[in-house]
Amino acid sequence: MMRTRPLKVALLGCGVVGSEVARIMTTHADDLAARIGAPVELAGVAVRRPDKVREGIDPALVTTDATALVKRGDLDIVVEVIGGIEPARTLITTAFEHGASVVSANKALLAQDGAALHAAAEEHGKDLYYEAAVAGAIPLIRPLRESLAGDKVNRVLGIVNGTTNFILDKMDTTGAGYQEALDEATALGYAEADPTADVEGFDAAAKAAILAGIAFHTRVRLDDVHREGMTEVTAADFASAKEMGCTIKLLAICERAEDGASVTARVHPAMIPLSHPLASVRGAYNAVFVESDASGQLMFYGPGAGGAPTASAVLGDLVAVGRNRVGGTTGPGESAYAALPVSAMGEVVTRYHISLDVADKPGVLAQVATVFAEHGVSIDTVRQQGKDGEASLVVVTHRASDAALGGTVEALRKLDTVRGVASIMRVEGE
């Protein structure tokens, strides 16, 4: 039986995502009501520019006083899509205090203060859902939090930023340089005027923190995530990758240590074999590869950004939270019982691709190999090309720790025969 009293929803933010949320709430009102078990009513919309025309939204619902809106006391659900740390954090906690559950798409806030927000939700007996904070429309958080709750997740490996994937895909398929590919991404609307958050890996790092926390039942904050951007990736790197049967992606990698005693979370460019499913992810799409004990390998793929895809994830949470409100219950909250330590990047073990500029004369390879051996880094393959007294030496290692590789590179730089380290890139997905 459907409840006649509507669920009242307030919307914080009415930009690209917020306007799509409002549109879908209106156009799919009957379906949403049937799925939730109660009608859904848009009770207020907080914005910064009240004079802007917002098609389909009653101007009487628009306000610039977001604090007063969340303090009304008659709201069932607050949808936060304004982003950033403040005032979003204060508005969310205020919503809990005044009786509303919250649906958020705020990856930066959740990565930084997720534990405190979950605690506030639990204190007031309310829901905090945030499927839209990671990978847009792709169902990912709910499968990790609920569908795989009885399994042991060991690794989450993914492309979680569409802008960087578009740029790297263009560099790979067309031979374009980084700046040329970035310019095209900007022209097409995939990259912001200031793309720093994307290309330097900040966006992906926030998502990695959220995914690691859920996957490993451990609190992982943004500061725990090792981050490297992809602005230094060159056409030469792609040429080297192709010679190895690989391509290059900016990856978010969350791993449980082999002994299960710790976890790591990192974001950086990496070579992955063309045979790996993530290698075929093109354009601005996202994909996340999950490895667990019982389920084995799972892959989640789809559009990772944009108004409609992100709104789809928001509305999915809205339905779930709405059902909980109608049933007088709440869904799963934070699960951090494992409380595993987060290891530093130096302890991460993986393969490496190192390109060196060296003198083209006898004995150079032996000197380089000796340095690797002295630091306990085993060499898998070596490729050398020389001309006119100069040469390039490409070394691919077996698995080694980041700390051991760092010591190796530092020692290599001290060799008279090594002119410079052209590039260092990790090799993942094998």
Protein backbone atom coordinates (compact mmCIF):
# COMPACT_ATOMS: atom_id res chain seq x y z
CA MET A 1 0.00 0.00 0.00
CA MET A 2 1.32 3.43 -0.93
CA ARG A 3 1.67 6.07 1.74
CA THR A 4 -0.21 9.23 0.83
CA ARG A 5 1.98 11.72 2.70
CA PRO A 6 4.81 12.65 0.33
CA LEU A 7 8.48 12.42 1.16
CA LYS A 8 9.83 15.95 1.16
CA VAL A 9 13.17 16.40 -0.61
CA ALA A 10 15.45 19.45 -0.52
CA LEU A 11 18.06 19.96 -3.21
CA LEU A 12 21.32 21.73 -2.35
CA GLY A 13 22.75 22.88 -5.66
CA CYS A 14 21.06 23.10 -9.02
CA GLY A 15 23.88 22.99 -11.55
CA VAL A 16 24.49 20.33 -14.17
CA VAL A 17 23.73 17.44 -11.80
CA GLY A 18 21.16 19.14 -9.57
CA SER A 19 19.02 20.31 -12.47
CA GLU A 20 18.96 16.76 -13.85
CA VAL A 21 17.93 15.41 -10.45
CA ALA A 22 15.04 17.90 -10.33
CA ARG A 23 14.02 17.06 -13.89
CA ILE A 24 13.95 13.31 -13.29
CA MET A 25 12.06 13.75 -10.02
CA THR A 26 9.39 15.62 -11.97
CA THR A 27 9.18 13.56 -15.15
CA HIS A 28 9.42 10.19 -13.39
CA ALA A 29 7.33 11.15 -10.35
CA ASP A 30 4.83 8.30 -10.72
CA ASP A 31 7.50 5.65 -11.19
CA LEU A 32 9.53 6.95 -8.25
CA ALA A 33 6.43 6.92 -6.05
CA ALA A 34 5.64 3.34 -7.03
CA ARG A 35 9.20 2.20 -6.34
CA ILE A 36 9.48 3.99 -3.01
CA GLY A 37 5.97 3.45 -1.72
CA ALA A 38 5.24 7.14 -1.27
CA PRO A 39 5.08 10.25 -3.47
CA VAL A 40 8.20 12.41 -3.65
CA GLU A 41 7.88 16.18 -3.37
CA LEU A 42 10.59 18.70 -4.18
CA ALA A 43 10.28 20.99 -1.16
CA GLY A 44 13.11 23.46 -1.77
CA VAL A 45 16.16 24.21 -3.90
CA ALA A 46 19.17 26.10 -2.51
CA VAL A 47 21.24 27.99 -5.08
CA ARG A 48 23.76 30.83 -5.25
CA ARG A 49 22.11 32.69 -8.15
CA PRO A 50 18.35 32.87 -7.55
CA ASP A 51 17.61 34.96 -10.66
CA LYS A 52 18.78 32.26 -13.08
CA VAL A 53 15.92 30.64 -15.01
CA ARG A 54 15.63 26.94 -14.07
CA GLU A 55 13.27 25.14 -16.39
CA GLY A 56 10.73 22.94 -14.65
CA ILE A 57 11.43 24.30 -11.15
CA ASP A 58 8.89 26.49 -9.39
CA PRO A 59 10.69 29.78 -8.57
CA ALA A 60 8.90 29.79 -5.21
CA LEU A 61 11.00 26.78 -4.19
CA VAL A 62 14.32 28.53 -4.86
CA THR A 63 16.28 30.05 -2.00
CA THR A 64 19.79 31.28 -1.30
CA ASP A 65 19.51 30.37 2.39
CA ALA A 66 20.61 26.74 2.39
CA THR A 67 20.97 26.69 6.18
CA ALA A 68 17.37 27.73 6.74
CA LEU A 69 16.24 25.13 4.21
CA VAL A 70 17.92 22.20 5.95
CA LYS A 71 16.71 23.43 9.35
CA ARG A 72 13.03 23.32 8.36
CA GLY A 73 12.42 20.15 10.32
CA ASP A 74 9.87 18.66 7.90
CA LEU A 75 12.34 17.34 5.33
CA ASP A 76 12.81 13.63 4.77
CA ILE A 77 15.82 13.72 2.43
CA VAL A 78 18.43 16.32 1.58
CA VAL A 79 20.29 15.88 -1.70
CA GLU A 80 23.70 17.61 -1.62
CA VAL A 81 25.30 18.27 -5.01
CA ILE A 82 27.13 21.53 -4.34
CA GLY A 83 30.53 19.89 -3.78
CA GLY A 84 33.52 21.15 -1.83
CA ILE A 85 34.15 20.95 1.89
CA GLU A 86 32.24 23.94 3.28
CA PRO A 87 29.42 24.78 3.51
CA ALA A 88 28.54 21.23 2.42
CA ARG A 89 29.87 19.60 5.61
CA THR A 90 27.93 21.91 7.91
CA LEU A 91 24.76 21.64 5.83
CA ILE A 92 24.87 17.83 5.87
CA THR A 93 25.37 17.59 9.63
CA THR A 94 22.65 20.20 10.16
CA ALA A 95 20.30 18.13 8.00
CA PHE A 96 20.90 15.10 10.21
CA GLU A 97 20.29 17.18 13.34
CA HIS A 98 16.93 18.33 11.97
CA GLY A 99 15.63 14.92 10.97
CA ALA A 100 16.65 14.42 7.32
CA SER A 101 18.66 11.66 5.70
CA VAL A 102 21.25 12.71 3.12
CA VAL A 103 22.17 11.70 -0.41
CA SER A 104 25.47 13.21 -1.53
CA ALA A 105 27.74 13.22 -4.58
CA ASN A 106 30.56 14.97 -2.70
CA LYS A 107 33.68 12.82 -3.15
CA ALA A 108 36.10 15.39 -1.72
CA LEU A 109 34.14 15.78 1.51
CA LEU A 110 33.53 12.06 1.94
CA ALA A 111 37.21 11.27 1.34
CA GLN A 112 38.26 13.83 3.93
CA ASP A 113 35.53 13.56 6.59
CA GLY A 114 33.55 10.43 5.78
CA ALA A 115 34.01 8.96 9.25
CA ALA A 116 32.63 12.07 10.98
CA LEU A 117 29.68 12.26 8.60
CA HIS A 118 28.84 8.59 9.15
CA ALA A 119 29.06 9.12 12.89
CA ALA A 120 26.66 12.07 12.67
CA ALA A 121 24.22 10.03 10.58
CA GLU A 122 24.34 7.16 13.08
CA GLU A 123 23.92 9.49 16.05
CA HIS A 124 20.68 10.84 14.62
CA GLY A 125 19.46 7.55 13.16
CA LYS A 126 19.61 8.73 9.56
CA ASP A 127 20.98 7.47 6.24
CA LEU A 128 24.06 8.74 4.38
CA TYR A 129 24.21 7.44 0.80
CA TYR A 130 26.72 8.52 -1.86
CA GLU A 131 26.73 6.24 -4.90
CA ALA A 132 27.20 9.29 -7.16
CA ALA A 133 30.48 10.25 -5.46
CA VAL A 134 32.43 7.59 -7.37
CA ALA A 135 32.23 6.73 -11.07
CA GLY A 136 29.00 8.51 -11.96
CA ALA A 137 26.22 6.19 -13.07
CA ILE A 138 28.22 3.00 -12.51
CA PRO A 139 26.75 0.96 -9.63
CA LEU A 140 29.86 0.45 -7.54
CA ILE A 141 29.51 1.56 -3.93
CA ARG A 142 26.34 -0.45 -3.33
CA PRO A 143 27.82 -3.68 -4.79
CA LEU A 144 30.93 -3.24 -2.63
CA ARG A 145 28.96 -2.32 0.48
CA GLU A 146 26.09 -4.79 0.09
CA SER A 147 26.43 -7.37 -2.71
CA LEU A 148 30.01 -8.28 -1.71
CA ALA A 149 29.45 -7.87 2.03
CA GLY A 150 29.93 -11.61 2.54
CA ASP A 151 33.09 -11.78 0.43
CA LYS A 152 36.69 -10.69 0.99
CA VAL A 153 37.76 -8.02 -1.49
CA ASN A 154 41.50 -8.05 -2.15
CA ARG A 155 41.94 -5.47 -4.86
CA VAL A 156 40.10 -2.62 -6.57
CA LEU A 157 41.75 -1.40 -9.76
CA GLY A 158 40.06 1.23 -11.85
CA ILE A 159 39.79 4.15 -14.22
CA VAL A 160 37.68 6.58 -12.19
CA ASN A 161 38.22 9.87 -14.02
CA GLY A 162 36.79 10.36 -17.50
CA THR A 163 38.83 13.46 -18.34
CA THR A 164 42.18 11.76 -17.87
CA ASN A 165 41.05 8.64 -19.68
CA PHE A 166 39.93 10.73 -22.65
CA ILE A 167 43.30 12.50 -22.78
CA LEU A 168 45.37 9.32 -22.49
CA ASP A 169 43.16 7.52 -25.00
CA LYS A 170 43.71 10.32 -27.52
CA MET A 171 47.47 10.18 -26.96
CA ASP A 172 47.39 6.44 -27.48
CA THR A 173 45.16 6.26 -30.57
CA THR A 174 46.24 9.40 -32.42
CA GLY A 175 49.82 9.97 -31.28
CA ALA A 176 48.89 13.41 -29.94
CA GLY A 177 50.98 15.04 -27.23
CA TYR A 178 49.58 15.74 -23.78
CA GLN A 179 48.77 19.42 -24.39
CA GLU A 180 47.10 18.72 -27.73
CA ALA A 181 44.91 16.01 -26.19
CA LEU A 182 44.07 18.26 -23.22
CA ASP A 183 43.05 21.08 -25.58
CA GLU A 184 40.66 18.73 -27.38
CA ALA A 185 39.21 17.53 -24.07
CA THR A 186 38.63 21.13 -23.04
CA ALA A 187 36.99 22.02 -26.35
CA LEU A 188 34.61 19.06 -26.02
CA GLY A 189 33.70 19.94 -22.44
CA TYR A 190 35.40 16.92 -20.85
CA ALA A 191 38.04 19.06 -19.10
CA GLU A 192 37.44 22.08 -16.89
CA ALA A 193 39.08 25.43 -17.63
CA ASP A 194 41.40 24.52 -14.73
CA PRO A 195 41.95 20.76 -15.13
CA THR A 196 44.29 20.41 -12.14
CA ALA A 197 41.95 18.29 -10.02
CA ASP A 198 41.67 15.77 -12.83
CA VAL A 199 45.11 15.64 -14.45
CA GLU A 200 47.03 15.79 -11.16
CA GLY A 201 44.98 12.93 -9.76
CA PHE A 202 43.19 14.73 -6.91
CA ASP A 203 39.75 13.68 -8.13
CA ALA A 204 40.78 10.05 -8.54
CA ALA A 205 42.54 10.03 -5.16
CA ALA A 206 39.35 11.09 -3.37
CA LYS A 207 37.47 8.27 -5.08
CA ALA A 208 40.23 5.80 -4.21
CA ALA A 209 39.93 6.73 -0.53
CA ILE A 210 36.19 6.06 -0.59
CA LEU A 211 36.54 2.76 -2.45
CA ALA A 212 39.35 1.49 -0.22
CA GLY A 213 37.41 2.31 2.91
CA ILE A 214 34.36 0.38 1.76
CA ALA A 215 36.26 -2.54 0.20
CA PHE A 216 38.51 -3.18 3.18
CA HIS A 217 36.22 -2.11 6.06
CA THR A 218 38.90 0.36 7.10
CA ARG A 219 38.92 4.12 7.41
CA VAL A 220 41.01 5.50 4.54
CA ARG A 221 41.31 9.27 4.24
CA LEU A 222 42.45 11.33 1.29
CA ASP A 223 45.79 11.94 2.98
CA ASP A 224 46.40 8.17 3.02
CA VAL A 225 46.28 7.95 -0.79
CA HIS A 226 49.53 8.24 -2.74
CA ARG A 227 48.90 10.50 -5.73
CA GLU A 228 50.77 11.19 -8.96
CA GLY A 229 49.38 13.12 -11.92
CA MET A 230 49.69 12.27 -15.61
CA THR A 231 50.98 15.56 -17.03
CA GLU A 232 54.46 14.08 -17.59
CA VAL A 233 53.25 11.18 -19.73
CA THR A 234 54.68 11.55 -23.24
CA ALA A 235 54.24 10.11 -26.70
CA ALA A 236 57.55 8.29 -26.12
CA ASP A 237 56.01 6.56 -23.11
CA PHE A 238 53.15 5.33 -25.28
CA ALA A 239 55.64 4.10 -27.88
CA SER A 240 57.45 2.12 -25.19
CA ALA A 241 54.15 0.78 -23.89
CA LYS A 242 53.16 -0.43 -27.35
CA GLU A 243 56.47 -2.26 -27.71
CA MET A 244 55.54 -4.14 -24.52
CA GLY A 245 51.99 -4.86 -25.71
CA CYS A 246 50.60 -2.31 -23.23
CA THR A 247 48.81 1.00 -23.05
CA ILE A 248 48.82 3.69 -20.33
CA LYS A 249 45.97 4.58 -17.98
CA LEU A 250 45.66 6.74 -14.89
CA LEU A 251 44.64 4.14 -12.32
CA ALA A 252 43.21 4.18 -8.84
CA ILE A 253 44.54 1.08 -7.08
CA CYS A 254 43.40 -0.13 -3.68
CA GLU A 255 45.03 -3.34 -2.44
CA ARG A 256 45.09 -5.61 0.55
CA ALA A 257 48.61 -6.81 1.42
CA GLU A 258 49.37 -10.46 0.68
CA ASP A 259 49.44 -11.23 4.41
CA GLY A 260 46.14 -9.36 4.87
CA ALA A 261 47.61 -7.20 7.62
CA SER A 262 47.50 -3.82 5.84
CA VAL A 263 46.11 -2.00 2.80
CA THR A 264 47.36 0.57 0.32
CA ALA A 265 45.62 3.14 -1.87
CA ARG A 266 47.30 4.98 -4.72
CA VAL A 267 46.66 6.89 -7.93
CA HIS A 268 49.23 7.14 -10.73
CA PRO A 269 49.77 6.50 -14.45
CA ALA A 270 50.60 2.88 -15.22
CA MET A 271 51.19 0.60 -18.16
CA ILE A 272 48.65 -2.20 -18.41
CA PRO A 273 48.65 -5.10 -20.90
CA LEU A 274 46.34 -4.77 -23.87
CA SER A 275 44.84 -8.10 -22.80
CA HIS A 276 43.53 -6.57 -19.55
CA PRO A 277 39.86 -5.49 -19.68
CA LEU A 278 40.74 -1.94 -18.53
CA ALA A 279 42.96 -1.44 -21.58
CA SER A 280 39.90 -1.33 -23.86
CA VAL A 281 38.14 1.43 -21.89
CA ARG A 282 38.00 4.35 -24.32
CA GLY A 283 37.08 8.01 -24.31
CA ALA A 284 35.64 9.52 -21.15
CA TYR A 285 34.32 6.21 -19.82
CA ASN A 286 35.15 4.75 -16.42
CA ALA A 287 35.67 1.15 -15.39
CA VAL A 288 36.55 -0.54 -12.12
CA PHE A 289 37.98 -4.04 -11.76
CA VAL A 290 37.28 -5.78 -8.43
CA GLU A 291 39.07 -8.94 -7.28
CA SER A 292 37.69 -10.94 -4.34
CA ASP A 293 38.10 -14.39 -2.83
CA ALA A 294 34.73 -15.92 -3.69
CA SER A 295 33.52 -13.84 -6.63
CA GLY A 296 36.84 -13.77 -8.44
CA GLN A 297 37.14 -10.92 -10.92
CA LEU A 298 34.31 -8.46 -11.55
CA MET A 299 34.28 -5.42 -13.82
CA PHE A 300 31.96 -2.40 -13.62
CA TYR A 301 31.86 -0.16 -16.70
CA GLY A 302 29.99 2.91 -17.87
CA PRO A 303 29.86 6.72 -18.09
CA GLY A 304 31.65 8.15 -15.08
CA ALA A 305 30.49 11.75 -15.20
CA GLY A 306 27.93 14.12 -16.69
CA GLY A 307 24.61 15.48 -15.50
CA ALA A 308 22.27 12.64 -16.43
CA PRO A 309 24.56 9.71 -15.48
CA THR A 310 25.43 11.23 -12.10
CA ALA A 311 21.78 12.14 -11.49
CA SER A 312 20.90 8.50 -12.17
CA ALA A 313 23.14 7.45 -9.27
CA VAL A 314 21.66 10.18 -7.05
CA LEU A 315 18.12 9.03 -7.83
CA GLY A 316 19.04 5.42 -7.12
CA ASP A 317 20.13 6.49 -3.65
CA LEU A 318 17.03 8.63 -3.30
CA VAL A 319 14.84 5.59 -3.91
CA ALA A 320 16.82 3.47 -1.44
CA VAL A 321 16.74 6.14 1.28
CA GLY A 322 13.07 6.84 0.55
CA ARG A 323 12.20 3.17 1.03
CA ASN A 324 14.03 3.22 4.35
CA ARG A 325 12.07 6.28 5.47
CA VAL A 326 8.77 4.67 4.54
CA GLY A 327 9.76 1.46 6.33
CA GLY A 328 11.02 3.31 9.40
CA THR A 329 14.53 1.91 9.13
CA THR A 330 17.99 2.85 7.89
CA GLY A 331 20.40 1.19 5.50
CA PRO A 332 24.01 0.13 6.08
CA GLY A 333 26.29 2.73 7.62
CA GLU A 334 30.06 2.84 7.88
CA SER A 335 31.84 -0.50 8.22
CA ALA A 336 35.33 0.13 9.59
CA TYR A 337 35.64 -2.80 11.98
CA ALA A 338 38.81 -4.17 10.32
CA ALA A 339 40.76 -0.98 11.11
CA LEU A 340 43.72 -2.11 9.01
CA PRO A 341 46.78 0.13 8.84
CA VAL A 342 47.35 1.95 5.55
CA SER A 343 50.89 1.28 4.34
CA ALA A 344 53.11 3.95 2.82
CA MET A 345 53.85 3.94 -0.89
CA GLY A 346 57.40 2.76 -0.26
CA GLU A 347 56.04 -0.64 0.74
CA VAL A 348 54.01 -1.13 -2.44
CA VAL A 349 55.35 -3.93 -4.63
CA THR A 350 54.86 -3.85 -8.41
CA ARG A 351 56.75 -3.99 -11.70
CA TYR A 352 58.51 -0.98 -13.21
CA HIS A 353 59.42 0.31 -16.65
CA ILE A 354 62.50 2.58 -16.54
CA SER A 355 63.86 4.45 -19.54
CA LEU A 356 67.46 5.72 -19.24
CA ASP A 357 69.57 7.95 -21.45
CA VAL A 358 73.06 6.48 -21.37
CA ALA A 359 76.44 6.70 -23.09
CA ASP A 360 76.73 4.33 -26.04
CA LYS A 361 79.87 2.43 -25.06
CA PRO A 362 80.84 -1.01 -23.77
CA GLY A 363 80.14 -1.83 -20.14
CA VAL A 364 77.17 0.46 -19.62
CA LEU A 365 74.64 -2.36 -19.43
CA ALA A 366 76.81 -4.21 -16.93
CA GLN A 367 77.08 -1.10 -14.72
CA VAL A 368 73.32 -0.57 -14.79
CA ALA A 369 72.60 -4.23 -14.06
CA THR A 370 74.99 -4.14 -11.10
CA VAL A 371 73.11 -1.19 -9.56
CA PHE A 372 69.81 -3.02 -9.86
CA ALA A 373 71.33 -6.14 -8.27
CA GLU A 374 72.88 -4.18 -5.40
CA HIS A 375 69.44 -2.82 -4.49
CA GLY A 376 67.70 -6.18 -4.72
CA VAL A 377 65.68 -5.32 -7.84
CA SER A 378 65.49 -8.17 -10.35
CA ILE A 379 65.48 -7.31 -14.06
CA ASP A 380 62.95 -8.97 -16.34
CA THR A 381 63.91 -7.52 -19.75
CA VAL A 382 66.36 -4.96 -21.17
CA ARG A 383 66.22 -3.17 -24.50
CA GLN A 384 69.07 -0.93 -25.74
CA GLN A 385 69.34 1.30 -28.79
CA GLY A 386 72.35 3.44 -29.60
CA LYS A 387 73.53 5.99 -32.14
CA ASP A 388 76.31 8.61 -32.36
CA GLY A 389 77.63 8.01 -28.86
CA GLU A 390 74.22 8.21 -27.14
CA ALA A 391 71.82 5.41 -26.32
CA SER A 392 68.54 4.65 -24.64
CA LEU A 393 68.23 1.78 -22.23
CA VAL A 394 64.79 0.45 -21.27
CA VAL A 395 64.64 -1.82 -18.24
CA VAL A 396 61.55 -3.69 -17.12
CA THR A 397 61.80 -5.17 -13.63
CA HIS A 398 60.21 -8.05 -11.85
CA ARG A 399 58.10 -7.06 -8.84
CA ALA A 400 59.95 -4.77 -6.44
CA SER A 401 59.03 -2.34 -3.68
CA ASP A 402 58.71 1.33 -4.44
CA ALA A 403 61.40 2.06 -1.84
CA ALA A 404 63.86 -0.37 -3.45
CA LEU A 405 63.19 1.09 -6.89
CA GLY A 406 63.69 4.61 -5.54
CA GLY A 407 67.10 3.69 -4.14
CA THR A 408 68.02 2.07 -7.45
CA VAL A 409 67.14 5.15 -9.47
CA GLU A 410 69.03 7.42 -7.08
CA ALA A 411 72.15 5.26 -7.53
CA LEU A 412 71.71 5.16 -11.31
CA ARG A 413 71.73 8.96 -11.46
CA LYS A 414 75.20 8.93 -9.91
CA LEU A 415 76.72 6.82 -12.70
CA ASP A 416 78.85 8.81 -15.14
CA THR A 417 77.49 6.72 -17.99
CA VAL A 418 73.85 7.56 -17.21
CA ARG A 419 72.92 10.91 -18.78
CA GLY A 420 69.46 10.98 -17.27
CA VAL A 421 66.31 9.07 -16.31
CA ALA A 422 63.84 9.75 -19.12
CA SER A 423 60.82 8.13 -17.46
CA ILE A 424 59.72 5.74 -14.74
CA MET A 425 56.33 4.04 -14.93
CA ARG A 426 54.71 1.24 -13.01
CA VAL A 427 53.37 -1.82 -14.80
CA GLU A 428 50.03 -3.06 -13.41
CA GLY A 429 47.33 -5.56 -14.22
CA GLU A 430 49.46 -8.66 -14.54
